[in-house]
Protein backbone atom coordinates (compact mmCIF):
# COMPACT_ATOMS: atom_id res chain seq x y z
CA UNK A 1 0.00 0.00 0.00
CA UNK A 2 1.11 3.59 -0.66
CA UNK A 3 2.57 5.27 2.40
CA UNK A 4 0.71 8.37 3.60
CA UNK A 5 2.98 11.16 4.80
CA UNK A 6 1.34 14.08 6.58
CA UNK A 7 2.63 17.60 5.95
CA UNK A 8 1.50 20.19 8.48
CA UNK A 9 0.56 23.73 7.50
CA UNK A 10 0.74 26.42 10.18
CA UNK A 11 -0.07 30.10 9.63
CA UNK A 12 3.22 31.33 8.21
CA UNK A 13 4.44 27.99 6.84
CA UNK A 14 6.62 28.53 3.78
CA UNK A 15 7.85 25.16 2.60
CA UNK A 16 4.86 22.89 3.13
CA UNK A 17 4.21 22.53 -0.60
CA UNK A 18 7.88 21.82 -1.26
CA UNK A 19 7.81 19.08 1.38
CA UNK A 20 4.64 17.65 -0.14
CA UNK A 21 6.28 17.62 -3.57
CA UNK A 22 9.30 15.79 -2.18
CA UNK A 23 6.98 13.18 -0.69
CA UNK A 24 5.18 12.83 -4.02
CA UNK A 25 8.46 12.36 -5.90
CA UNK A 26 9.25 9.31 -3.76
CA UNK A 27 5.95 7.69 -4.67
CA UNK A 28 4.26 8.29 -1.33
CA UNK A 29 1.02 10.21 -0.86
CA UNK A 30 1.34 13.64 0.79
CA UNK A 31 -1.56 14.32 3.17
CA UNK A 32 -2.24 17.92 4.18
CA UNK A 33 -2.63 18.46 7.92
CA UNK A 34 -3.99 21.73 9.30
CA UNK A 35 -2.64 23.33 12.47
CA UNK A 36 -6.08 23.76 14.04
CA UNK A 37 -7.23 20.19 13.35
CA UNK A 38 -6.14 17.55 15.85
CA UNK A 39 -6.93 14.67 13.47
CA UNK A 40 -3.93 12.99 11.83
CA UNK A 41 -6.07 10.97 9.39
CA UNK A 42 -4.12 7.77 9.81
CA UNK A 43 -0.85 9.03 8.31
CA UNK A 44 2.24 6.85 8.53
CA UNK A 45 4.65 9.72 9.23
CA UNK A 46 4.56 13.50 9.67
CA UNK A 47 6.66 16.39 8.39
CA UNK A 48 6.75 19.79 10.09
CA UNK A 49 7.94 22.12 7.31
CA UNK A 50 10.05 25.25 7.26
CA UNK A 51 8.73 28.77 7.41
CA UNK A 52 7.70 31.21 10.11
CA UNK A 53 4.86 29.54 12.00
CA UNK A 54 2.59 32.12 13.63
CA UNK A 55 5.04 34.78 12.47
CA UNK A 56 7.69 33.48 14.89
CA UNK A 57 6.06 35.66 17.55
CA UNK A 58 7.41 35.20 21.09
CA UNK A 59 10.05 32.78 19.78
CA UNK A 60 10.41 30.63 16.69
CA UNK A 61 8.10 27.62 17.09
CA UNK A 62 6.85 28.68 20.52
CA UNK A 63 3.20 29.21 19.55
CA UNK A 64 3.03 26.35 17.02
CA UNK A 65 3.99 23.97 19.80
CA UNK A 66 0.54 24.54 21.39
CA UNK A 67 -1.51 24.00 18.21
CA UNK A 68 -4.16 21.29 18.09
CA UNK A 69 -2.25 19.22 15.55
CA UNK A 70 0.90 19.28 17.67
CA UNK A 71 -0.91 17.82 20.66
CA UNK A 72 -1.75 14.81 18.50
CA UNK A 73 1.73 14.63 16.98
CA UNK A 74 3.38 14.69 20.40
CA UNK A 75 1.29 11.74 21.51
CA UNK A 76 1.79 9.83 18.24
CA UNK A 77 5.55 10.43 18.31
CA UNK A 78 5.63 8.86 21.77
CA UNK A 79 3.99 5.81 20.20
CA UNK A 80 6.66 5.61 17.49
CA UNK A 81 5.27 7.71 14.62
CA UNK A 82 8.15 8.98 12.45
CA UNK A 83 8.27 12.79 12.67
CA UNK A 84 10.60 15.09 10.73
CA UNK A 85 11.00 18.77 11.57
CA UNK A 86 12.71 20.89 8.94
CA UNK A 87 14.10 24.32 9.93
CA UNK A 88 11.09 25.96 11.64
CA UNK A 89 9.80 22.42 12.16
CA UNK A 90 13.01 21.63 14.06
CA UNK A 91 12.36 24.68 16.23
CA UNK A 92 8.81 23.45 16.90
CA UNK A 93 10.10 20.00 17.92
CA UNK A 94 12.48 21.58 20.43
CA UNK A 95 9.75 23.82 21.82
CA UNK A 96 7.51 20.74 22.16
CA UNK A 97 10.32 18.92 24.03
CA UNK A 98 10.32 16.12 21.50
CA UNK A 99 13.96 17.04 20.95
CA UNK A 100 16.39 18.65 23.41
CA UNK A 101 18.07 22.02 23.11
CA UNK A 102 17.02 25.16 21.28
CA UNK A 103 17.58 27.02 18.02
CA UNK A 104 18.68 30.61 18.58
CA UNK A 105 19.71 33.64 16.52
CA UNK A 106 22.60 32.94 14.19
CA UNK A 107 25.83 33.97 15.91
CA UNK A 108 26.62 36.52 13.20
CA UNK A 109 23.04 37.90 13.45
CA UNK A 110 22.48 37.58 9.69
CA UNK A 111 20.05 35.44 7.74
CA UNK A 112 22.06 32.77 5.94
CA UNK A 113 20.96 31.28 2.60
CA UNK A 114 23.38 29.01 0.75
CA UNK A 115 24.05 25.46 -0.41
CA UNK A 116 25.52 23.66 2.56
CA UNK A 117 27.71 20.60 2.85
CA UNK A 118 26.78 18.12 5.59
CA UNK A 119 28.18 14.86 6.90
CA UNK A 120 25.71 12.16 7.88
CA UNK A 121 26.62 10.99 11.38
CA UNK A 122 23.78 8.55 12.08
CA UNK A 123 21.88 6.16 9.86
CA UNK A 124 20.01 4.63 12.79
CA UNK A 125 16.92 6.83 12.42
CA UNK A 126 13.67 6.46 10.53
CA UNK A 127 14.74 9.31 8.24
CA UNK A 128 18.39 8.49 7.47
CA UNK A 129 18.57 4.73 7.08
CA UNK A 130 19.23 5.02 3.35
CA UNK A 131 22.48 6.94 3.76
CA UNK A 132 25.97 5.69 4.57
CA UNK A 133 27.63 6.69 7.81
CA UNK A 134 30.03 9.53 7.01
CA UNK A 135 28.38 10.26 3.67
CA UNK A 136 28.74 13.87 2.57
CA UNK A 137 25.70 15.56 1.05
CA UNK A 138 24.80 19.07 -0.10
CA UNK A 139 21.43 20.64 0.61
CA UNK A 140 20.36 24.29 1.04
CA UNK A 141 20.28 26.07 4.37
CA UNK A 142 18.20 29.22 4.91
CA UNK A 143 17.66 30.55 8.40
CA UNK A 144 18.09 33.42 10.78
CA UNK A 145 17.60 31.40 13.96
CA UNK A 146 19.43 28.17 13.21
CA UNK A 147 22.12 28.16 15.88
CA UNK A 148 21.72 24.93 17.85
CA UNK A 149 22.36 25.40 21.55
CA UNK A 150 22.23 23.02 24.50
CA UNK A 151 23.90 22.63 27.87
CA UNK A 152 27.02 20.49 28.21
CA UNK A 153 25.15 17.54 29.69
CA UNK A 154 22.72 17.44 26.76
CA UNK A 155 25.55 17.73 24.25
CA UNK A 156 27.39 14.87 25.94
CA UNK A 157 24.25 12.73 25.81
CA UNK A 158 23.68 13.48 22.12
CA UNK A 159 27.29 12.66 21.27
CA UNK A 160 27.56 9.64 23.55
CA UNK A 161 24.30 8.09 22.37
CA UNK A 162 24.97 8.71 18.66
CA UNK A 163 22.03 11.09 18.34
CA UNK A 164 23.78 13.74 16.25
CA UNK A 165 22.32 12.93 12.84
CA UNK A 166 24.26 15.39 10.65
CA UNK A 167 26.96 18.02 11.03
CA UNK A 168 27.91 21.06 9.02
CA UNK A 169 31.20 20.66 7.18
CA UNK A 170 33.28 23.14 5.20
CA UNK A 171 31.82 25.98 7.22
CA UNK A 172 29.25 26.35 9.98
CA UNK A 173 26.53 28.72 8.68
CA UNK A 174 25.05 29.75 12.02
CA UNK A 175 27.42 28.94 14.87
CA UNK A 176 25.67 25.76 16.04
CA UNK A 177 27.52 24.00 18.86
CA UNK A 178 29.46 20.93 17.75
CA UNK A 179 28.54 21.91 14.15
CA UNK A 180 25.17 20.23 14.73
CA UNK A 181 22.79 20.37 11.76
CA UNK A 182 20.38 17.59 12.79
CA UNK A 183 19.59 15.49 15.85
CA UNK A 184 17.24 12.67 16.83
CA UNK A 185 15.42 11.46 19.89
CA UNK A 186 16.53 8.32 21.69
CA UNK A 187 14.06 6.13 19.78
CA UNK A 188 15.22 7.39 16.38
CA UNK A 189 11.73 8.18 15.08
CA UNK A 190 11.86 11.96 15.61
CA UNK A 191 14.47 13.97 13.67
CA UNK A 192 15.02 17.71 13.48
CA UNK A 193 17.18 19.14 10.71
CA UNK A 194 17.95 22.81 10.09
CA UNK A 195 18.91 22.61 6.37
CA UNK A 196 16.19 21.88 3.80
CA UNK A 197 16.25 18.42 2.15
CA UNK A 198 13.01 19.22 0.31
CA UNK A 199 14.95 21.78 -1.73
CA UNK A 200 17.42 19.17 -2.97
CA UNK A 201 15.17 16.64 -4.68
CA UNK A 202 15.32 17.69 -8.35
CA UNK A 203 18.27 18.50 -10.60
CA UNK A 204 16.41 21.45 -12.14
CA UNK A 205 15.95 23.39 -8.91
CA UNK A 206 18.40 22.07 -6.33
CA UNK A 207 22.15 21.90 -5.84
CA UNK A 208 21.81 18.10 -5.76
CA UNK A 209 19.21 15.40 -5.22
CA UNK A 210 20.78 14.41 -1.91
CA UNK A 211 17.67 15.46 -0.02
CA UNK A 212 15.64 12.66 -1.56
CA UNK A 213 17.42 10.21 0.73
CA UNK A 214 15.58 11.64 3.72
CA UNK A 215 12.19 10.87 2.20
CA UNK A 216 13.07 7.50 0.68
CA UNK A 217 14.60 6.45 4.01
CA UNK A 218 11.33 6.85 5.87
CA UNK A 219 9.53 4.83 3.20
CA UNK A 220 12.03 2.01 3.63
CA UNK A 221 11.61 2.27 7.39
CA UNK A 222 7.84 2.04 7.09
CA UNK A 223 8.12 -0.90 4.73
CA UNK A 224 10.43 -2.76 7.08
CA UNK A 225 8.05 -2.11 9.97
CA UNK A 226 5.03 -3.62 8.23
C-alpha atoms as a PDB file:
ATOM      1  CA  UNK A   1       0.000   0.000   0.000  1.00  0.00           C
ATOM      2  CA  UNK A   2       1.105   3.589  -0.662  1.00  0.00           C
ATOM      3  CA  UNK A   3       2.575   5.274   2.397  1.00  0.00           C
ATOM      4  CA  UNK A   4       0.713   8.367   3.598  1.00  0.00           C
ATOM      5  CA  UNK A   5       2.977  11.158   4.799  1.00  0.00           C
ATOM      6  CA  UNK A   6       1.337  14.076   6.579  1.00  0.00           C
ATOM      7  CA  UNK A   7       2.634  17.595   5.950  1.00  0.00           C
ATOM      8  CA  UNK A   8       1.499  20.185   8.480  1.00  0.00           C
ATOM      9  CA  UNK A   9       0.564  23.732   7.504  1.00  0.00           C
ATOM     10  CA  UNK A  10       0.736  26.424  10.177  1.00  0.00           C
ATOM     11  CA  UNK A  11      -0.074  30.099   9.626  1.00  0.00           C
ATOM     12  CA  UNK A  12       3.223  31.326   8.211  1.00  0.00           C
ATOM     13  CA  UNK A  13       4.441  27.988   6.837  1.00  0.00           C
ATOM     14  CA  UNK A  14       6.615  28.532   3.783  1.00  0.00           C
ATOM     15  CA  UNK A  15       7.850  25.160   2.598  1.00  0.00           C
ATOM     16  CA  UNK A  16       4.864  22.893   3.127  1.00  0.00           C
ATOM     17  CA  UNK A  17       4.212  22.532  -0.601  1.00  0.00           C
ATOM     18  CA  UNK A  18       7.880  21.816  -1.260  1.00  0.00           C
ATOM     19  CA  UNK A  19       7.808  19.083   1.377  1.00  0.00           C
ATOM     20  CA  UNK A  20       4.641  17.646  -0.139  1.00  0.00           C
ATOM     21  CA  UNK A  21       6.281  17.616  -3.571  1.00  0.00           C
ATOM     22  CA  UNK A  22       9.302  15.785  -2.181  1.00  0.00           C
ATOM     23  CA  UNK A  23       6.985  13.181  -0.686  1.00  0.00           C
ATOM     24  CA  UNK A  24       5.184  12.833  -4.021  1.00  0.00           C
ATOM     25  CA  UNK A  25       8.463  12.355  -5.903  1.00  0.00           C
ATOM     26  CA  UNK A  26       9.254   9.311  -3.764  1.00  0.00           C
ATOM     27  CA  UNK A  27       5.947   7.686  -4.675  1.00  0.00           C
ATOM     28  CA  UNK A  28       4.262   8.291  -1.330  1.00  0.00           C
ATOM     29  CA  UNK A  29       1.019  10.209  -0.859  1.00  0.00           C
ATOM     30  CA  UNK A  30       1.340  13.642   0.788  1.00  0.00           C
ATOM     31  CA  UNK A  31      -1.557  14.322   3.165  1.00  0.00           C
ATOM     32  CA  UNK A  32      -2.242  17.919   4.182  1.00  0.00           C
ATOM     33  CA  UNK A  33      -2.627  18.456   7.919  1.00  0.00           C
ATOM     34  CA  UNK A  34      -3.987  21.731   9.296  1.00  0.00           C
ATOM     35  CA  UNK A  35      -2.642  23.328  12.468  1.00  0.00           C
ATOM     36  CA  UNK A  36      -6.076  23.763  14.038  1.00  0.00           C
ATOM     37  CA  UNK A  37      -7.227  20.191  13.349  1.00  0.00           C
ATOM     38  CA  UNK A  38      -6.136  17.546  15.845  1.00  0.00           C
ATOM     39  CA  UNK A  39      -6.934  14.675  13.475  1.00  0.00           C
ATOM     40  CA  UNK A  40      -3.935  12.985  11.826  1.00  0.00           C
ATOM     41  CA  UNK A  41      -6.071  10.971   9.391  1.00  0.00           C
ATOM     42  CA  UNK A  42      -4.116   7.767   9.809  1.00  0.00           C
ATOM     43  CA  UNK A  43      -0.852   9.029   8.306  1.00  0.00           C
ATOM     44  CA  UNK A  44       2.245   6.853   8.530  1.00  0.00           C
ATOM     45  CA  UNK A  45       4.651   9.725   9.234  1.00  0.00           C
ATOM     46  CA  UNK A  46       4.557  13.498   9.668  1.00  0.00           C
ATOM     47  CA  UNK A  47       6.661  16.389   8.392  1.00  0.00           C
ATOM     48  CA  UNK A  48       6.749  19.792  10.091  1.00  0.00           C
ATOM     49  CA  UNK A  49       7.943  22.122   7.315  1.00  0.00           C
ATOM     50  CA  UNK A  50      10.046  25.246   7.258  1.00  0.00           C
ATOM     51  CA  UNK A  51       8.729  28.774   7.409  1.00  0.00           C
ATOM     52  CA  UNK A  52       7.697  31.208  10.113  1.00  0.00           C
ATOM     53  CA  UNK A  53       4.859  29.539  12.003  1.00  0.00           C
ATOM     54  CA  UNK A  54       2.590  32.121  13.632  1.00  0.00           C
ATOM     55  CA  UNK A  55       5.041  34.780  12.466  1.00  0.00           C
ATOM     56  CA  UNK A  56       7.687  33.476  14.887  1.00  0.00           C
ATOM     57  CA  UNK A  57       6.060  35.658  17.547  1.00  0.00           C
ATOM     58  CA  UNK A  58       7.408  35.204  21.091  1.00  0.00           C
ATOM     59  CA  UNK A  59      10.053  32.776  19.784  1.00  0.00           C
ATOM     60  CA  UNK A  60      10.406  30.632  16.686  1.00  0.00           C
ATOM     61  CA  UNK A  61       8.099  27.623  17.088  1.00  0.00           C
ATOM     62  CA  UNK A  62       6.845  28.676  20.518  1.00  0.00           C
ATOM     63  CA  UNK A  63       3.195  29.210  19.551  1.00  0.00           C
ATOM     64  CA  UNK A  64       3.028  26.346  17.025  1.00  0.00           C
ATOM     65  CA  UNK A  65       3.987  23.966  19.800  1.00  0.00           C
ATOM     66  CA  UNK A  66       0.542  24.538  21.389  1.00  0.00           C
ATOM     67  CA  UNK A  67      -1.509  23.996  18.211  1.00  0.00           C
ATOM     68  CA  UNK A  68      -4.164  21.286  18.094  1.00  0.00           C
ATOM     69  CA  UNK A  69      -2.254  19.217  15.547  1.00  0.00           C
ATOM     70  CA  UNK A  70       0.903  19.281  17.674  1.00  0.00           C
ATOM     71  CA  UNK A  71      -0.909  17.822  20.663  1.00  0.00           C
ATOM     72  CA  UNK A  72      -1.753  14.813  18.498  1.00  0.00           C
ATOM     73  CA  UNK A  73       1.732  14.632  16.980  1.00  0.00           C
ATOM     74  CA  UNK A  74       3.383  14.695  20.402  1.00  0.00           C
ATOM     75  CA  UNK A  75       1.285  11.735  21.514  1.00  0.00           C
ATOM     76  CA  UNK A  76       1.793   9.831  18.238  1.00  0.00           C
ATOM     77  CA  UNK A  77       5.553  10.428  18.314  1.00  0.00           C
ATOM     78  CA  UNK A  78       5.626   8.865  21.767  1.00  0.00           C
ATOM     79  CA  UNK A  79       3.986   5.808  20.202  1.00  0.00           C
ATOM     80  CA  UNK A  80       6.660   5.606  17.487  1.00  0.00           C
ATOM     81  CA  UNK A  81       5.266   7.708  14.619  1.00  0.00           C
ATOM     82  CA  UNK A  82       8.147   8.982  12.446  1.00  0.00           C
ATOM     83  CA  UNK A  83       8.267  12.786  12.670  1.00  0.00           C
ATOM     84  CA  UNK A  84      10.600  15.087  10.731  1.00  0.00           C
ATOM     85  CA  UNK A  85      10.998  18.771  11.570  1.00  0.00           C
ATOM     86  CA  UNK A  86      12.713  20.892   8.938  1.00  0.00           C
ATOM     87  CA  UNK A  87      14.100  24.320   9.925  1.00  0.00           C
ATOM     88  CA  UNK A  88      11.090  25.959  11.640  1.00  0.00           C
ATOM     89  CA  UNK A  89       9.797  22.418  12.163  1.00  0.00           C
ATOM     90  CA  UNK A  90      13.014  21.625  14.064  1.00  0.00           C
ATOM     91  CA  UNK A  91      12.355  24.679  16.228  1.00  0.00           C
ATOM     92  CA  UNK A  92       8.809  23.448  16.904  1.00  0.00           C
ATOM     93  CA  UNK A  93      10.100  19.999  17.924  1.00  0.00           C
ATOM     94  CA  UNK A  94      12.478  21.577  20.428  1.00  0.00           C
ATOM     95  CA  UNK A  95       9.745  23.818  21.815  1.00  0.00           C
ATOM     96  CA  UNK A  96       7.514  20.738  22.161  1.00  0.00           C
ATOM     97  CA  UNK A  97      10.322  18.919  24.025  1.00  0.00           C
ATOM     98  CA  UNK A  98      10.317  16.116  21.498  1.00  0.00           C
ATOM     99  CA  UNK A  99      13.963  17.040  20.952  1.00  0.00           C
ATOM    100  CA  UNK A 100      16.386  18.651  23.410  1.00  0.00           C
ATOM    101  CA  UNK A 101      18.070  22.021  23.110  1.00  0.00           C
ATOM    102  CA  UNK A 102      17.015  25.163  21.283  1.00  0.00           C
ATOM    103  CA  UNK A 103      17.584  27.015  18.017  1.00  0.00           C
ATOM    104  CA  UNK A 104      18.677  30.613  18.582  1.00  0.00           C
ATOM    105  CA  UNK A 105      19.708  33.638  16.519  1.00  0.00           C
ATOM    106  CA  UNK A 106      22.603  32.937  14.189  1.00  0.00           C
ATOM    107  CA  UNK A 107      25.830  33.974  15.913  1.00  0.00           C
ATOM    108  CA  UNK A 108      26.615  36.519  13.200  1.00  0.00           C
ATOM    109  CA  UNK A 109      23.037  37.897  13.448  1.00  0.00           C
ATOM    110  CA  UNK A 110      22.482  37.580   9.695  1.00  0.00           C
ATOM    111  CA  UNK A 111      20.049  35.443   7.737  1.00  0.00           C
ATOM    112  CA  UNK A 112      22.061  32.769   5.939  1.00  0.00           C
ATOM    113  CA  UNK A 113      20.962  31.278   2.602  1.00  0.00           C
ATOM    114  CA  UNK A 114      23.380  29.006   0.755  1.00  0.00           C
ATOM    115  CA  UNK A 115      24.046  25.464  -0.406  1.00  0.00           C
ATOM    116  CA  UNK A 116      25.520  23.658   2.556  1.00  0.00           C
ATOM    117  CA  UNK A 117      27.714  20.596   2.849  1.00  0.00           C
ATOM    118  CA  UNK A 118      26.781  18.121   5.591  1.00  0.00           C
ATOM    119  CA  UNK A 119      28.184  14.859   6.896  1.00  0.00           C
ATOM    120  CA  UNK A 120      25.709  12.164   7.875  1.00  0.00           C
ATOM    121  CA  UNK A 121      26.615  10.993  11.378  1.00  0.00           C
ATOM    122  CA  UNK A 122      23.782   8.552  12.080  1.00  0.00           C
ATOM    123  CA  UNK A 123      21.875   6.158   9.861  1.00  0.00           C
ATOM    124  CA  UNK A 124      20.008   4.627  12.792  1.00  0.00           C
ATOM    125  CA  UNK A 125      16.916   6.830  12.424  1.00  0.00           C
ATOM    126  CA  UNK A 126      13.665   6.464  10.530  1.00  0.00           C
ATOM    127  CA  UNK A 127      14.742   9.306   8.239  1.00  0.00           C
ATOM    128  CA  UNK A 128      18.387   8.493   7.473  1.00  0.00           C
ATOM    129  CA  UNK A 129      18.571   4.727   7.082  1.00  0.00           C
ATOM    130  CA  UNK A 130      19.229   5.021   3.346  1.00  0.00           C
ATOM    131  CA  UNK A 131      22.484   6.944   3.758  1.00  0.00           C
ATOM    132  CA  UNK A 132      25.966   5.688   4.573  1.00  0.00           C
ATOM    133  CA  UNK A 133      27.627   6.694   7.813  1.00  0.00           C
ATOM    134  CA  UNK A 134      30.026   9.525   7.015  1.00  0.00           C
ATOM    135  CA  UNK A 135      28.379  10.262   3.675  1.00  0.00           C
ATOM    136  CA  UNK A 136      28.742  13.865   2.566  1.00  0.00           C
ATOM    137  CA  UNK A 137      25.700  15.562   1.051  1.00  0.00           C
ATOM    138  CA  UNK A 138      24.797  19.070  -0.102  1.00  0.00           C
ATOM    139  CA  UNK A 139      21.427  20.641   0.607  1.00  0.00           C
ATOM    140  CA  UNK A 140      20.357  24.285   1.039  1.00  0.00           C
ATOM    141  CA  UNK A 141      20.284  26.070   4.371  1.00  0.00           C
ATOM    142  CA  UNK A 142      18.201  29.224   4.909  1.00  0.00           C
ATOM    143  CA  UNK A 143      17.658  30.549   8.402  1.00  0.00           C
ATOM    144  CA  UNK A 144      18.086  33.421  10.777  1.00  0.00           C
ATOM    145  CA  UNK A 145      17.602  31.397  13.961  1.00  0.00           C
ATOM    146  CA  UNK A 146      19.431  28.167  13.207  1.00  0.00           C
ATOM    147  CA  UNK A 147      22.125  28.163  15.879  1.00  0.00           C
ATOM    148  CA  UNK A 148      21.719  24.930  17.847  1.00  0.00           C
ATOM    149  CA  UNK A 149      22.363  25.403  21.554  1.00  0.00           C
ATOM    150  CA  UNK A 150      22.230  23.015  24.503  1.00  0.00           C
ATOM    151  CA  UNK A 151      23.903  22.627  27.874  1.00  0.00           C
ATOM    152  CA  UNK A 152      27.016  20.489  28.206  1.00  0.00           C
ATOM    153  CA  UNK A 153      25.150  17.537  29.694  1.00  0.00           C
ATOM    154  CA  UNK A 154      22.724  17.441  26.759  1.00  0.00           C
ATOM    155  CA  UNK A 155      25.552  17.727  24.246  1.00  0.00           C
ATOM    156  CA  UNK A 156      27.387  14.873  25.945  1.00  0.00           C
ATOM    157  CA  UNK A 157      24.251  12.726  25.808  1.00  0.00           C
ATOM    158  CA  UNK A 158      23.684  13.483  22.123  1.00  0.00           C
ATOM    159  CA  UNK A 159      27.285  12.662  21.268  1.00  0.00           C
ATOM    160  CA  UNK A 160      27.563   9.641  23.548  1.00  0.00           C
ATOM    161  CA  UNK A 161      24.296   8.094  22.366  1.00  0.00           C
ATOM    162  CA  UNK A 162      24.970   8.708  18.660  1.00  0.00           C
ATOM    163  CA  UNK A 163      22.033  11.086  18.339  1.00  0.00           C
ATOM    164  CA  UNK A 164      23.780  13.736  16.251  1.00  0.00           C
ATOM    165  CA  UNK A 165      22.318  12.929  12.835  1.00  0.00           C
ATOM    166  CA  UNK A 166      24.257  15.388  10.655  1.00  0.00           C
ATOM    167  CA  UNK A 167      26.960  18.023  11.031  1.00  0.00           C
ATOM    168  CA  UNK A 168      27.912  21.059   9.017  1.00  0.00           C
ATOM    169  CA  UNK A 169      31.201  20.662   7.182  1.00  0.00           C
ATOM    170  CA  UNK A 170      33.278  23.143   5.205  1.00  0.00           C
ATOM    171  CA  UNK A 171      31.817  25.980   7.224  1.00  0.00           C
ATOM    172  CA  UNK A 172      29.245  26.348   9.980  1.00  0.00           C
ATOM    173  CA  UNK A 173      26.532  28.721   8.683  1.00  0.00           C
ATOM    174  CA  UNK A 174      25.048  29.746  12.015  1.00  0.00           C
ATOM    175  CA  UNK A 175      27.416  28.935  14.868  1.00  0.00           C
ATOM    176  CA  UNK A 176      25.674  25.757  16.038  1.00  0.00           C
ATOM    177  CA  UNK A 177      27.516  24.004  18.860  1.00  0.00           C
ATOM    178  CA  UNK A 178      29.463  20.934  17.747  1.00  0.00           C
ATOM    179  CA  UNK A 179      28.542  21.907  14.146  1.00  0.00           C
ATOM    180  CA  UNK A 180      25.167  20.230  14.728  1.00  0.00           C
ATOM    181  CA  UNK A 181      22.789  20.368  11.760  1.00  0.00           C
ATOM    182  CA  UNK A 182      20.383  17.588  12.789  1.00  0.00           C
ATOM    183  CA  UNK A 183      19.587  15.491  15.854  1.00  0.00           C
ATOM    184  CA  UNK A 184      17.239  12.672  16.829  1.00  0.00           C
ATOM    185  CA  UNK A 185      15.421  11.461  19.893  1.00  0.00           C
ATOM    186  CA  UNK A 186      16.529   8.317  21.694  1.00  0.00           C
ATOM    187  CA  UNK A 187      14.060   6.135  19.781  1.00  0.00           C
ATOM    188  CA  UNK A 188      15.217   7.393  16.381  1.00  0.00           C
ATOM    189  CA  UNK A 189      11.733   8.179  15.077  1.00  0.00           C
ATOM    190  CA  UNK A 190      11.864  11.958  15.612  1.00  0.00           C
ATOM    191  CA  UNK A 191      14.469  13.967  13.672  1.00  0.00           C
ATOM    192  CA  UNK A 192      15.024  17.707  13.482  1.00  0.00           C
ATOM    193  CA  UNK A 193      17.178  19.141  10.706  1.00  0.00           C
ATOM    194  CA  UNK A 194      17.955  22.808  10.089  1.00  0.00           C
ATOM    195  CA  UNK A 195      18.905  22.606   6.368  1.00  0.00           C
ATOM    196  CA  UNK A 196      16.193  21.880   3.796  1.00  0.00           C
ATOM    197  CA  UNK A 197      16.254  18.424   2.152  1.00  0.00           C
ATOM    198  CA  UNK A 198      13.010  19.223   0.313  1.00  0.00           C
ATOM    199  CA  UNK A 199      14.948  21.784  -1.727  1.00  0.00           C
ATOM    200  CA  UNK A 200      17.416  19.170  -2.970  1.00  0.00           C
ATOM    201  CA  UNK A 201      15.171  16.642  -4.685  1.00  0.00           C
ATOM    202  CA  UNK A 202      15.324  17.686  -8.346  1.00  0.00           C
ATOM    203  CA  UNK A 203      18.268  18.503 -10.597  1.00  0.00           C
ATOM    204  CA  UNK A 204      16.410  21.449 -12.141  1.00  0.00           C
ATOM    205  CA  UNK A 205      15.946  23.393  -8.910  1.00  0.00           C
ATOM    206  CA  UNK A 206      18.395  22.067  -6.327  1.00  0.00           C
ATOM    207  CA  UNK A 207      22.152  21.897  -5.842  1.00  0.00           C
ATOM    208  CA  UNK A 208      21.806  18.101  -5.756  1.00  0.00           C
ATOM    209  CA  UNK A 209      19.205  15.396  -5.217  1.00  0.00           C
ATOM    210  CA  UNK A 210      20.776  14.412  -1.906  1.00  0.00           C
ATOM    211  CA  UNK A 211      17.666  15.460  -0.016  1.00  0.00           C
ATOM    212  CA  UNK A 212      15.639  12.656  -1.562  1.00  0.00           C
ATOM    213  CA  UNK A 213      17.415  10.212   0.733  1.00  0.00           C
ATOM    214  CA  UNK A 214      15.582  11.636   3.722  1.00  0.00           C
ATOM    215  CA  UNK A 215      12.194  10.872   2.199  1.00  0.00           C
ATOM    216  CA  UNK A 216      13.075   7.501   0.683  1.00  0.00           C
ATOM    217  CA  UNK A 217      14.603   6.454   4.015  1.00  0.00           C
ATOM    218  CA  UNK A 218      11.327   6.845   5.870  1.00  0.00           C
ATOM    219  CA  UNK A 219       9.527   4.834   3.198  1.00  0.00           C
ATOM    220  CA  UNK A 220      12.034   2.014   3.632  1.00  0.00           C
ATOM    221  CA  UNK A 221      11.610   2.274   7.390  1.00  0.00           C
ATOM    222  CA  UNK A 222       7.844   2.042   7.094  1.00  0.00           C
ATOM    223  CA  UNK A 223       8.123  -0.904   4.731  1.00  0.00           C
ATOM    224  CA  UNK A 224      10.430  -2.757   7.079  1.00  0.00           C
ATOM    225  CA  UNK A 225       8.052  -2.114   9.972  1.00  0.00           C
ATOM    226  CA  UNK A 226       5.026  -3.620   8.233  1.00  0.00           C
END
